[in-house]
Amino acid sequence: PFFELLKRVCENGKKTAEKMYGCRGSVAH
């Protein structure tokens, strides 16, 4: 279940990386 959440974090983190920092990849705080 931890990895299933991580998959969704990764998907959302792509938007956060681009919109907040202008970066490719994925990030979560």
All heavy atoms as atom14 arrays in JSON, in Angstrom:
{
  "sequence": "PFFELLKRVCENGKKTAEKMYGCRGSVAH",
  "atom14_mask": [
    [1, 1, 1, 1, 1, 1, 1, 0, 0, 0, 0, 0, 0, 0],
    [1, 1, 1, 1, 1, 1, 1, 1, 1, 1, 1, 0, 0, 0],
    [1, 1, 1, 1, 1, 1, 1, 1, 1, 1, 1, 0, 0, 0],
    [1, 1, 1, 1, 1, 1, 1, 1, 1, 0, 0, 0, 0, 0],
    [1, 1, 1, 1, 1, 1, 1, 1, 0, 0, 0, 0, 0, 0],
    [1, 1, 1, 1, 1, 1, 1, 1, 0, 0, 0, 0, 0, 0],
    [1, 1, 1, 1, 1, 1, 1, 1, 1, 0, 0, 0, 0, 0],
    [1, 1, 1, 1, 1, 1, 1, 1, 1, 1, 1, 0, 0, 0],
    [1, 1, 1, 1, 1, 1, 1, 0, 0, 0, 0, 0, 0, 0],
    [1, 1, 1, 1, 1, 1, 0, 0, 0, 0, 0, 0, 0, 0],
    [1, 1, 1, 1, 1, 1, 1, 1, 1, 0, 0, 0, 0, 0],
    [1, 1, 1, 1, 1, 1, 1, 1, 0, 0, 0, 0, 0, 0],
    [1, 1, 1, 1, 0, 0, 0, 0, 0, 0, 0, 0, 0, 0],
    [1, 1, 1, 1, 1, 1, 1, 1, 1, 0, 0, 0, 0, 0],
    [1, 1, 1, 1, 1, 1, 1, 1, 1, 0, 0, 0, 0, 0],
    [1, 1, 1, 1, 1, 1, 1, 0, 0, 0, 0, 0, 0, 0],
    [1, 1, 1, 1, 1, 0, 0, 0, 0, 0, 0, 0, 0, 0],
    [1, 1, 1, 1, 1, 1, 1, 1, 1, 0, 0, 0, 0, 0],
    [1, 1, 1, 1, 1, 1, 1, 1, 1, 0, 0, 0, 0, 0],
    [1, 1, 1, 1, 1, 1, 1, 1, 0, 0, 0, 0, 0, 0],
    [1, 1, 1, 1, 1, 1, 1, 1, 1, 1, 1, 1, 0, 0],
    [1, 1, 1, 1, 0, 0, 0, 0, 0, 0, 0, 0, 0, 0],
    [1, 1, 1, 1, 1, 1, 0, 0, 0, 0, 0, 0, 0, 0],
    [1, 1, 1, 1, 1, 1, 1, 1, 1, 1, 1, 0, 0, 0],
    [1, 1, 1, 1, 0, 0, 0, 0, 0, 0, 0, 0, 0, 0],
    [1, 1, 1, 1, 1, 1, 0, 0, 0, 0, 0, 0, 0, 0],
    [1, 1, 1, 1, 1, 1, 1, 0, 0, 0, 0, 0, 0, 0],
    [1, 1, 1, 1, 1, 0, 0, 0, 0, 0, 0, 0, 0, 0],
    [1, 1, 1, 1, 1, 1, 1, 1, 1, 1, 0, 0, 0, 0]
  ],
  "atom14_positions": [
    [[0.81, -1.23, 0.0], [0.0, 0.0, 0.0], [0.84, 1.28, 0.0], [0.43, 2.29, -0.58], [-0.82, -0.13, 1.29], [-0.94, -1.6, 1.5], [0.39, -2.16, 1.07], [0.0, 0.0, 0.0], [0.0, 0.0, 0.0], [0.0, 0.0, 0.0], [0.0, 0.0, 0.0], [0.0, 0.0, 0.0], [0.0, 0.0, 0.0], [0.0, 0.0, 0.0]],
    [[2.01, 1.23, 0.62], [2.93, 2.37, 0.61], [3.35, 2.69, -0.82], [3.38, 3.85, -1.24], [4.15, 2.04, 1.48], [5.19, 3.12, 1.57], [5.09, 4.11, 2.53], [6.28, 3.13, 0.71], [6.07, 5.1, 2.62], [7.25, 4.1, 0.79], [7.15, 5.1, 1.75], [0.0, 0.0, 0.0], [0.0, 0.0, 0.0], [0.0, 0.0, 0.0]],
    [[3.66, 1.66, -1.6], [4.11, 1.87, -2.98], [2.96, 2.32, -3.88], [3.18, 3.08, -4.83], [4.76, 0.6, -3.53], [6.03, 0.24, -2.82], [6.16, -0.98, -2.17], [7.09, 1.12, -2.76], [7.32, -1.31, -1.5], [8.26, 0.79, -2.1], [8.38, -0.43, -1.46], [0.0, 0.0, 0.0], [0.0, 0.0, 0.0], [0.0, 0.0, 0.0]],
    [[1.74, 1.87, -3.59], [0.6, 2.34, -4.36], [0.38, 3.84, -4.16], [0.06, 4.57, -5.1], [-0.66, 1.55, -3.98], [-0.64, 0.1, -4.44], [-0.43, -0.04, -5.94], [-1.17, 0.62, -6.7], [0.49, -0.79, -6.34], [0.0, 0.0, 0.0], [0.0, 0.0, 0.0], [0.0, 0.0, 0.0], [0.0, 0.0, 0.0], [0.0, 0.0, 0.0]],
    [[0.54, 4.3, -2.92], [0.45, 5.75, -2.68], [1.6, 6.47, -3.36], [1.41, 7.54, -3.96], [0.47, 6.03, -1.18], [0.48, 7.52, -0.78], [-0.81, 8.21, -1.24], [0.67, 7.69, 0.72], [0.0, 0.0, 0.0], [0.0, 0.0, 0.0], [0.0, 0.0, 0.0], [0.0, 0.0, 0.0], [0.0, 0.0, 0.0], [0.0, 0.0, 0.0]],
    [[2.8, 5.9, -3.31], [3.97, 6.52, -3.93], [3.77, 6.72, -5.43], [4.19, 7.74, -6.0], [5.21, 5.68, -3.66], [6.53, 6.13, -4.3], [6.87, 7.56, -3.92], [7.66, 5.18, -3.9], [0.0, 0.0, 0.0], [0.0, 0.0, 0.0], [0.0, 0.0, 0.0], [0.0, 0.0, 0.0], [0.0, 0.0, 0.0], [0.0, 0.0, 0.0]],
    [[3.12, 5.77, -6.09], [2.84, 5.93, -7.52], [2.0, 7.19, -7.77], [2.27, 7.96, -8.71], [2.1, 4.7, -8.06], [2.92, 3.44, -8.16], [2.03, 2.29, -8.64], [2.76, 0.97, -8.66], [1.87, -0.15, -9.06], [0.0, 0.0, 0.0], [0.0, 0.0, 0.0], [0.0, 0.0, 0.0], [0.0, 0.0, 0.0], [0.0, 0.0, 0.0]],
    [[0.99, 7.39, -6.95], [0.13, 8.56, -7.14], [0.85, 9.84, -6.75], [0.64, 10.9, -7.36], [-1.16, 8.38, -6.34], [-2.01, 7.22, -6.85], [-3.4, 7.21, -6.25], [-3.4, 6.87, -4.83], [-3.94, 7.63, -3.89], [-4.48, 8.79, -4.18], [-3.92, 7.23, -2.63], [0.0, 0.0, 0.0], [0.0, 0.0, 0.0], [0.0, 0.0, 0.0]],
    [[1.69, 9.76, -5.72], [2.52, 10.91, -5.35], [3.41, 11.31, -6.52], [3.56, 12.5, -6.85], [3.37, 10.59, -4.11], [4.49, 11.6, -3.92], [2.49, 10.55, -2.86], [0.0, 0.0, 0.0], [0.0, 0.0, 0.0], [0.0, 0.0, 0.0], [0.0, 0.0, 0.0], [0.0, 0.0, 0.0], [0.0, 0.0, 0.0], [0.0, 0.0, 0.0]],
    [[4.0, 10.33, -7.17], [4.88, 10.6, -8.3], [4.14, 11.3, -9.43], [4.65, 12.25, -10.05], [5.51, 9.3, -8.79], [6.7, 9.52, -10.13], [0.0, 0.0, 0.0], [0.0, 0.0, 0.0], [0.0, 0.0, 0.0], [0.0, 0.0, 0.0], [0.0, 0.0, 0.0], [0.0, 0.0, 0.0], [0.0, 0.0, 0.0], [0.0, 0.0, 0.0]],
    [[2.93, 10.85, -9.71], [2.15, 11.46, -10.79], [1.81, 12.91, -10.46], [1.98, 13.81, -11.3], [0.86, 10.65, -11.01], [0.17, 10.93, -12.33], [1.03, 10.64, -13.54], [1.86, 9.7, -13.49], [0.89, 11.38, -14.54], [0.0, 0.0, 0.0], [0.0, 0.0, 0.0], [0.0, 0.0, 0.0], [0.0, 0.0, 0.0], [0.0, 0.0, 0.0]],
    [[1.33, 13.17, -9.25], [1.01, 14.54, -8.85], [2.27, 15.39, -8.72], [2.25, 16.59, -8.98], [0.25, 14.55, -7.53], [-1.16, 14.02, -7.67], [-1.73, 14.03, -8.76], [-1.73, 13.55, -6.58], [0.0, 0.0, 0.0], [0.0, 0.0, 0.0], [0.0, 0.0, 0.0], [0.0, 0.0, 0.0], [0.0, 0.0, 0.0], [0.0, 0.0, 0.0]],
    [[3.36, 14.75, -8.31], [4.61, 15.47, -8.11], [5.19, 16.03, -9.39], [5.95, 17.01, -9.36], [0.0, 0.0, 0.0], [0.0, 0.0, 0.0], [0.0, 0.0, 0.0], [0.0, 0.0, 0.0], [0.0, 0.0, 0.0], [0.0, 0.0, 0.0], [0.0, 0.0, 0.0], [0.0, 0.0, 0.0], [0.0, 0.0, 0.0], [0.0, 0.0, 0.0]],
    [[4.82, 15.45, -10.52], [5.28, 16.01, -11.8], [4.7, 17.4, -12.01], [5.39, 18.32, -12.48], [4.85, 15.09, -12.95], [5.51, 13.72, -12.95], [4.93, 12.88, -14.1], [5.4, 11.45, -14.02], [4.8, 10.61, -15.1], [0.0, 0.0, 0.0], [0.0, 0.0, 0.0], [0.0, 0.0, 0.0], [0.0, 0.0, 0.0], [0.0, 0.0, 0.0]],
    [[3.43, 17.57, -11.67], [2.78, 18.87, -11.81], [3.4, 19.88, -10.84], [3.64, 21.04, -11.2], [1.28, 18.74, -11.54], [0.58, 17.74, -12.45], [-0.84, 17.45, -11.96], [-1.47, 16.29, -12.71], [-2.77, 15.88, -12.13], [0.0, 0.0, 0.0], [0.0, 0.0, 0.0], [0.0, 0.0, 0.0], [0.0, 0.0, 0.0], [0.0, 0.0, 0.0]],
    [[3.66, 19.43, -9.62], [4.26, 20.33, -8.63], [5.66, 20.75, -9.05], [6.04, 21.91, -8.92], [4.3, 19.63, -7.26], [2.96, 19.26, -6.88], [4.89, 20.54, -6.19], [0.0, 0.0, 0.0], [0.0, 0.0, 0.0], [0.0, 0.0, 0.0], [0.0, 0.0, 0.0], [0.0, 0.0, 0.0], [0.0, 0.0, 0.0], [0.0, 0.0, 0.0]],
    [[6.44, 19.82, -9.58], [7.8, 20.14, -10.02], [7.79, 21.2, -11.1], [8.58, 22.17, -11.06], [8.49, 18.87, -10.53], [0.0, 0.0, 0.0], [0.0, 0.0, 0.0], [0.0, 0.0, 0.0], [0.0, 0.0, 0.0], [0.0, 0.0, 0.0], [0.0, 0.0, 0.0], [0.0, 0.0, 0.0], [0.0, 0.0, 0.0], [0.0, 0.0, 0.0]],
    [[6.89, 21.06, -12.06], [6.87, 22.01, -13.18], [6.28, 23.36, -12.76], [6.85, 24.42, -13.04], [6.06, 21.4, -14.33], [6.3, 22.08, -15.68], [5.62, 23.44, -15.78], [4.47, 23.57, -15.31], [6.25, 24.37, -16.32], [0.0, 0.0, 0.0], [0.0, 0.0, 0.0], [0.0, 0.0, 0.0], [0.0, 0.0, 0.0], [0.0, 0.0, 0.0]],
    [[5.13, 23.33, -12.07], [4.43, 24.57, -11.74], [5.15, 25.39, -10.68], [5.13, 26.63, -10.71], [3.01, 24.26, -11.27], [2.07, 23.77, -12.36], [0.66, 23.58, -11.82], [-0.31, 23.13, -12.89], [-1.67, 22.97, -12.34], [0.0, 0.0, 0.0], [0.0, 0.0, 0.0], [0.0, 0.0, 0.0], [0.0, 0.0, 0.0], [0.0, 0.0, 0.0]],
    [[5.78, 24.74, -9.71], [6.45, 25.48, -8.64], [7.88, 25.85, -8.99], [8.34, 26.95, -8.68], [6.46, 24.65, -7.34], [5.16, 24.64, -6.58], [5.37, 23.97, -4.91], [6.34, 25.27, -4.12], [0.0, 0.0, 0.0], [0.0, 0.0, 0.0], [0.0, 0.0, 0.0], [0.0, 0.0, 0.0], [0.0, 0.0, 0.0], [0.0, 0.0, 0.0]],
    [[8.6, 24.92, -9.62], [10.05, 25.1, -9.76], [10.53, 25.13, -11.21], [11.73, 25.32, -11.45], [10.77, 23.98, -9.01], [10.39, 23.89, -7.55], [9.66, 22.8, -7.06], [10.73, 24.91, -6.66], [9.31, 22.72, -5.72], [10.37, 24.84, -5.31], [9.66, 23.74, -4.85], [9.31, 23.67, -3.53], [0.0, 0.0, 0.0], [0.0, 0.0, 0.0]],
    [[9.62, 24.91, -12.17], [10.04, 24.88, -13.56], [10.95, 23.71, -13.87], [11.8, 23.79, -14.77], [0.0, 0.0, 0.0], [0.0, 0.0, 0.0], [0.0, 0.0, 0.0], [0.0, 0.0, 0.0], [0.0, 0.0, 0.0], [0.0, 0.0, 0.0], [0.0, 0.0, 0.0], [0.0, 0.0, 0.0], [0.0, 0.0, 0.0], [0.0, 0.0, 0.0]],
    [[10.78, 22.61, -13.17], [11.65, 21.44, -13.31], [10.9, 20.26, -13.92], [9.69, 20.12, -13.76], [12.2, 21.02, -11.95], [13.27, 22.23, -11.15], [0.0, 0.0, 0.0], [0.0, 0.0, 0.0], [0.0, 0.0, 0.0], [0.0, 0.0, 0.0], [0.0, 0.0, 0.0], [0.0, 0.0, 0.0], [0.0, 0.0, 0.0], [0.0, 0.0, 0.0]],
    [[11.66, 19.41, -14.59], [11.14, 18.11, -14.99], [11.11, 17.21, -13.75], [11.52, 17.6, -12.67], [12.02, 17.5, -16.07], [12.11, 18.29, -17.36], [13.22, 17.71, -18.22], [14.51, 17.76, -17.54], [15.55, 16.97, -17.8], [15.45, 16.02, -18.71], [16.68, 17.1, -17.13], [0.0, 0.0, 0.0], [0.0, 0.0, 0.0], [0.0, 0.0, 0.0]],
    [[10.67, 15.98, -13.96], [10.68, 15.04, -12.85], [9.53, 15.25, -11.9], [8.51, 15.85, -12.24], [0.0, 0.0, 0.0], [0.0, 0.0, 0.0], [0.0, 0.0, 0.0], [0.0, 0.0, 0.0], [0.0, 0.0, 0.0], [0.0, 0.0, 0.0], [0.0, 0.0, 0.0], [0.0, 0.0, 0.0], [0.0, 0.0, 0.0], [0.0, 0.0, 0.0]],
    [[9.7, 14.75, -10.68], [8.61, 14.76, -9.7], [9.15, 15.1, -8.32], [10.26, 14.72, -7.96], [7.95, 13.37, -9.67], [6.88, 13.33, -8.76], [0.0, 0.0, 0.0], [0.0, 0.0, 0.0], [0.0, 0.0, 0.0], [0.0, 0.0, 0.0], [0.0, 0.0, 0.0], [0.0, 0.0, 0.0], [0.0, 0.0, 0.0], [0.0, 0.0, 0.0]],
    [[8.33, 15.82, -7.53], [8.74, 16.23, -6.18], [7.54, 16.25, -5.26], [6.41, 16.52, -5.69], [9.39, 17.64, -6.22], [8.38, 18.71, -6.61], [10.02, 17.98, -4.87], [0.0, 0.0, 0.0], [0.0, 0.0, 0.0], [0.0, 0.0, 0.0], [0.0, 0.0, 0.0], [0.0, 0.0, 0.0], [0.0, 0.0, 0.0], [0.0, 0.0, 0.0]],
    [[7.75, 15.91, -3.99], [6.74, 16.08, -2.94], [7.42, 16.68, -1.73], [8.62, 16.47, -1.5], [6.09, 14.75, -2.58], [0.0, 0.0, 0.0], [0.0, 0.0, 0.0], [0.0, 0.0, 0.0], [0.0, 0.0, 0.0], [0.0, 0.0, 0.0], [0.0, 0.0, 0.0], [0.0, 0.0, 0.0], [0.0, 0.0, 0.0], [0.0, 0.0, 0.0]],
    [[6.65, 17.41, -0.94], [7.2, 18.11, 0.21], [7.05, 17.26, 1.47], [7.25, 16.06, 1.4], [6.57, 19.49, 0.3], [6.93, 20.37, -0.86], [6.27, 20.28, -2.08], [7.91, 21.29, -1.03], [6.82, 21.13, -2.94], [7.82, 21.75, -2.33], [0.0, 0.0, 0.0], [0.0, 0.0, 0.0], [0.0, 0.0, 0.0], [0.0, 0.0, 0.0]]
  ]
}
